[in-house]
Amino acid sequence: MKGTLLPGRFVVGSEGGKIGVAVRKQRGFEFRSDHVDFAALDGRHFPRARSLVNEVARLARTARLPAISARRHDSGLW
């Protein structure tokens, strides 16, 4: 929608805590990993936030890691 502000970044987390941060870039989102199990995705670019979350979830399922979720961090400090 025109005039709608999108978050510049959001936390990607699991039941165990923060996994990383998705940062809005010119053509999508860049994932910055904060967890060793997701280091393979560190620095990768994704065209949409949903595709980033899906890839993180796929990696977690493959490695049998805890369930993944994504939530917006409203303070903007991340």
N, C-alpha and C. Protein backbone atom coordinates (compact mmCIF):
# COMPACT_ATOMS: atom_id res chain seq x y z
N MET A 1 0.83 -1.18 0.00
CA MET A 1 0.00 0.00 0.00
C MET A 1 0.87 1.24 0.00
N LYS A 2 0.46 2.23 -0.74
CA LYS A 2 1.21 3.47 -0.80
C LYS A 2 1.10 4.19 0.54
N GLY A 3 2.23 4.68 1.03
CA GLY A 3 2.23 5.41 2.28
C GLY A 3 2.36 4.53 3.51
N THR A 4 2.35 3.23 3.34
CA THR A 4 2.48 2.33 4.48
C THR A 4 3.95 2.14 4.81
N LEU A 5 4.28 2.29 6.08
CA LEU A 5 5.65 2.10 6.50
C LEU A 5 5.89 0.63 6.83
N LEU A 6 6.94 0.08 6.28
CA LEU A 6 7.33 -1.29 6.58
C LEU A 6 8.44 -1.26 7.62
N PRO A 7 8.51 -2.25 8.49
CA PRO A 7 9.59 -2.25 9.47
C PRO A 7 10.93 -2.37 8.77
N GLY A 8 11.92 -1.66 9.28
CA GLY A 8 13.25 -1.72 8.71
C GLY A 8 14.01 -2.97 9.10
N ARG A 9 13.55 -3.59 10.16
CA ARG A 9 14.18 -4.82 10.62
C ARG A 9 13.24 -5.54 11.58
N PHE A 10 13.44 -6.84 11.67
CA PHE A 10 12.67 -7.60 12.65
C PHE A 10 13.50 -8.75 13.16
N VAL A 11 13.18 -9.16 14.36
CA VAL A 11 13.88 -10.25 15.02
C VAL A 11 13.32 -11.56 14.52
N VAL A 12 14.20 -12.49 14.23
CA VAL A 12 13.81 -13.86 13.89
C VAL A 12 14.21 -14.70 15.10
N GLY A 13 13.23 -15.38 15.69
CA GLY A 13 13.52 -16.11 16.91
C GLY A 13 12.87 -17.47 16.96
N SER A 14 13.20 -18.19 18.00
CA SER A 14 12.63 -19.50 18.24
C SER A 14 12.18 -19.55 19.69
N GLU A 15 11.70 -20.69 20.09
CA GLU A 15 11.30 -20.85 21.49
C GLU A 15 12.48 -20.61 22.42
N GLY A 16 13.68 -20.87 21.95
CA GLY A 16 14.88 -20.70 22.75
C GLY A 16 15.45 -19.29 22.75
N GLY A 17 14.91 -18.39 21.93
CA GLY A 17 15.40 -17.02 21.90
C GLY A 17 15.71 -16.53 20.51
N LYS A 18 16.47 -15.47 20.46
CA LYS A 18 16.80 -14.80 19.21
C LYS A 18 17.76 -15.64 18.36
N ILE A 19 17.44 -15.75 17.07
CA ILE A 19 18.30 -16.45 16.11
C ILE A 19 19.08 -15.46 15.28
N GLY A 20 18.43 -14.36 14.95
CA GLY A 20 19.08 -13.35 14.13
C GLY A 20 18.14 -12.20 13.85
N VAL A 21 18.54 -11.36 12.91
CA VAL A 21 17.76 -10.17 12.56
C VAL A 21 17.66 -10.10 11.04
N ALA A 22 16.48 -9.75 10.57
CA ALA A 22 16.28 -9.49 9.15
C ALA A 22 16.30 -7.98 8.96
N VAL A 23 17.19 -7.52 8.10
CA VAL A 23 17.36 -6.08 7.87
C VAL A 23 16.89 -5.75 6.46
N ARG A 24 15.99 -4.76 6.35
CA ARG A 24 15.48 -4.37 5.05
C ARG A 24 16.60 -3.73 4.24
N LYS A 25 16.74 -4.21 3.02
CA LYS A 25 17.71 -3.67 2.07
C LYS A 25 16.95 -3.20 0.84
N GLN A 26 17.67 -2.67 -0.13
CA GLN A 26 17.03 -2.11 -1.32
C GLN A 26 16.13 -3.12 -2.04
N ARG A 27 16.54 -4.36 -2.12
CA ARG A 27 15.77 -5.37 -2.86
C ARG A 27 15.40 -6.56 -1.99
N GLY A 28 14.96 -6.31 -0.79
CA GLY A 28 14.53 -7.40 0.07
C GLY A 28 15.08 -7.28 1.47
N PHE A 29 15.51 -8.41 2.01
CA PHE A 29 16.01 -8.47 3.38
C PHE A 29 17.32 -9.25 3.44
N GLU A 30 18.19 -8.80 4.32
CA GLU A 30 19.44 -9.52 4.59
C GLU A 30 19.31 -10.14 5.98
N PHE A 31 19.70 -11.40 6.11
CA PHE A 31 19.65 -12.08 7.39
C PHE A 31 21.00 -11.95 8.08
N ARG A 32 20.98 -11.54 9.33
CA ARG A 32 22.19 -11.45 10.15
C ARG A 32 22.03 -12.42 11.31
N SER A 33 22.77 -13.49 11.26
CA SER A 33 22.65 -14.56 12.24
C SER A 33 23.29 -14.18 13.57
N ASP A 34 22.59 -14.54 14.66
CA ASP A 34 23.12 -14.39 16.01
C ASP A 34 23.30 -15.76 16.67
N HIS A 35 23.12 -16.81 15.89
CA HIS A 35 23.15 -18.16 16.45
C HIS A 35 23.98 -19.05 15.54
N VAL A 36 24.87 -19.81 16.12
CA VAL A 36 25.80 -20.64 15.34
C VAL A 36 25.07 -21.63 14.43
N ASP A 37 23.92 -22.14 14.85
CA ASP A 37 23.19 -23.10 14.03
C ASP A 37 22.64 -22.49 12.74
N PHE A 38 22.59 -21.16 12.66
CA PHE A 38 22.05 -20.49 11.48
C PHE A 38 23.10 -19.66 10.75
N ALA A 39 24.37 -19.90 11.08
CA ALA A 39 25.47 -19.16 10.46
C ALA A 39 25.52 -19.35 8.95
N ALA A 40 25.03 -20.47 8.45
CA ALA A 40 25.04 -20.72 7.01
C ALA A 40 24.19 -19.70 6.25
N LEU A 41 23.23 -19.09 6.93
CA LEU A 41 22.36 -18.11 6.28
C LEU A 41 22.83 -16.67 6.50
N ASP A 42 23.87 -16.49 7.30
CA ASP A 42 24.35 -15.14 7.63
C ASP A 42 24.76 -14.39 6.37
N GLY A 43 24.23 -13.20 6.21
CA GLY A 43 24.57 -12.35 5.07
C GLY A 43 23.79 -12.63 3.81
N ARG A 44 22.98 -13.68 3.80
CA ARG A 44 22.19 -14.00 2.60
C ARG A 44 21.05 -13.00 2.43
N HIS A 45 20.74 -12.71 1.18
CA HIS A 45 19.65 -11.79 0.85
C HIS A 45 18.43 -12.58 0.38
N PHE A 46 17.27 -12.10 0.77
CA PHE A 46 16.00 -12.73 0.41
C PHE A 46 15.07 -11.65 -0.14
N PRO A 47 14.34 -11.96 -1.20
CA PRO A 47 13.48 -10.95 -1.82
C PRO A 47 12.31 -10.52 -0.93
N ARG A 48 11.87 -11.41 -0.05
CA ARG A 48 10.74 -11.10 0.83
C ARG A 48 11.03 -11.63 2.23
N ALA A 49 10.45 -10.99 3.23
CA ALA A 49 10.62 -11.45 4.60
C ALA A 49 10.11 -12.88 4.75
N ARG A 50 9.00 -13.20 4.11
CA ARG A 50 8.43 -14.55 4.20
C ARG A 50 9.41 -15.60 3.67
N SER A 51 10.12 -15.29 2.58
CA SER A 51 11.08 -16.26 2.04
C SER A 51 12.25 -16.46 3.00
N LEU A 52 12.66 -15.42 3.70
CA LEU A 52 13.71 -15.54 4.70
C LEU A 52 13.24 -16.45 5.84
N VAL A 53 12.05 -16.19 6.36
CA VAL A 53 11.52 -16.99 7.47
C VAL A 53 11.34 -18.45 7.04
N ASN A 54 10.87 -18.67 5.82
CA ASN A 54 10.70 -20.03 5.33
C ASN A 54 12.04 -20.77 5.26
N GLU A 55 13.08 -20.09 4.82
CA GLU A 55 14.40 -20.72 4.72
C GLU A 55 14.97 -21.02 6.10
N VAL A 56 14.77 -20.11 7.05
CA VAL A 56 15.23 -20.35 8.42
C VAL A 56 14.48 -21.56 9.00
N ALA A 57 13.17 -21.62 8.78
CA ALA A 57 12.37 -22.74 9.27
C ALA A 57 12.80 -24.05 8.62
N ARG A 58 13.09 -24.01 7.31
CA ARG A 58 13.55 -25.22 6.61
C ARG A 58 14.86 -25.73 7.21
N LEU A 59 15.79 -24.81 7.45
CA LEU A 59 17.07 -25.19 8.04
C LEU A 59 16.85 -25.78 9.44
N ALA A 60 15.96 -25.19 10.20
CA ALA A 60 15.67 -25.70 11.56
C ALA A 60 15.08 -27.10 11.50
N ARG A 61 14.17 -27.34 10.54
CA ARG A 61 13.58 -28.67 10.40
C ARG A 61 14.63 -29.69 9.98
N THR A 62 15.47 -29.31 9.04
CA THR A 62 16.52 -30.20 8.54
C THR A 62 17.49 -30.58 9.67
N ALA A 63 17.83 -29.59 10.49
CA ALA A 63 18.78 -29.82 11.58
C ALA A 63 18.08 -30.23 12.87
N ARG A 64 16.74 -30.34 12.81
CA ARG A 64 15.93 -30.69 13.99
C ARG A 64 16.14 -29.71 15.13
N LEU A 65 16.10 -28.43 14.79
CA LEU A 65 16.23 -27.36 15.77
C LEU A 65 14.84 -26.94 16.26
N PRO A 66 14.76 -26.15 17.32
CA PRO A 66 13.45 -25.71 17.83
C PRO A 66 12.63 -24.97 16.78
N ALA A 67 11.31 -24.91 17.00
CA ALA A 67 10.39 -24.23 16.09
C ALA A 67 10.78 -22.76 15.93
N ILE A 68 10.54 -22.23 14.74
CA ILE A 68 10.93 -20.87 14.40
C ILE A 68 9.72 -19.96 14.35
N SER A 69 9.92 -18.72 14.72
CA SER A 69 8.88 -17.71 14.57
C SER A 69 9.54 -16.40 14.18
N ALA A 70 8.75 -15.47 13.72
CA ALA A 70 9.27 -14.13 13.39
C ALA A 70 8.36 -13.11 14.01
N ARG A 71 8.93 -12.07 14.53
CA ARG A 71 8.12 -11.01 15.11
C ARG A 71 8.82 -9.68 14.88
N ARG A 72 8.06 -8.64 14.74
CA ARG A 72 8.62 -7.31 14.55
C ARG A 72 9.11 -6.79 15.88
N HIS A 73 10.27 -6.16 15.87
CA HIS A 73 10.80 -5.56 17.08
C HIS A 73 10.44 -4.08 17.03
N ASP A 74 9.45 -3.67 17.81
CA ASP A 74 8.88 -2.33 17.72
C ASP A 74 9.82 -1.22 18.15
N SER A 75 10.80 -1.49 19.00
CA SER A 75 11.66 -0.41 19.47
C SER A 75 12.62 0.08 18.39
N GLY A 76 12.90 -0.75 17.38
CA GLY A 76 13.81 -0.35 16.32
C GLY A 76 15.27 -0.37 16.74
N LEU A 77 15.58 -0.92 17.93
CA LEU A 77 16.95 -0.92 18.41
C LEU A 77 17.78 -2.04 17.85
N TRP A 78 17.15 -3.05 17.26
CA TRP A 78 17.89 -4.17 16.71
C TRP A 78 18.42 -3.77 15.38
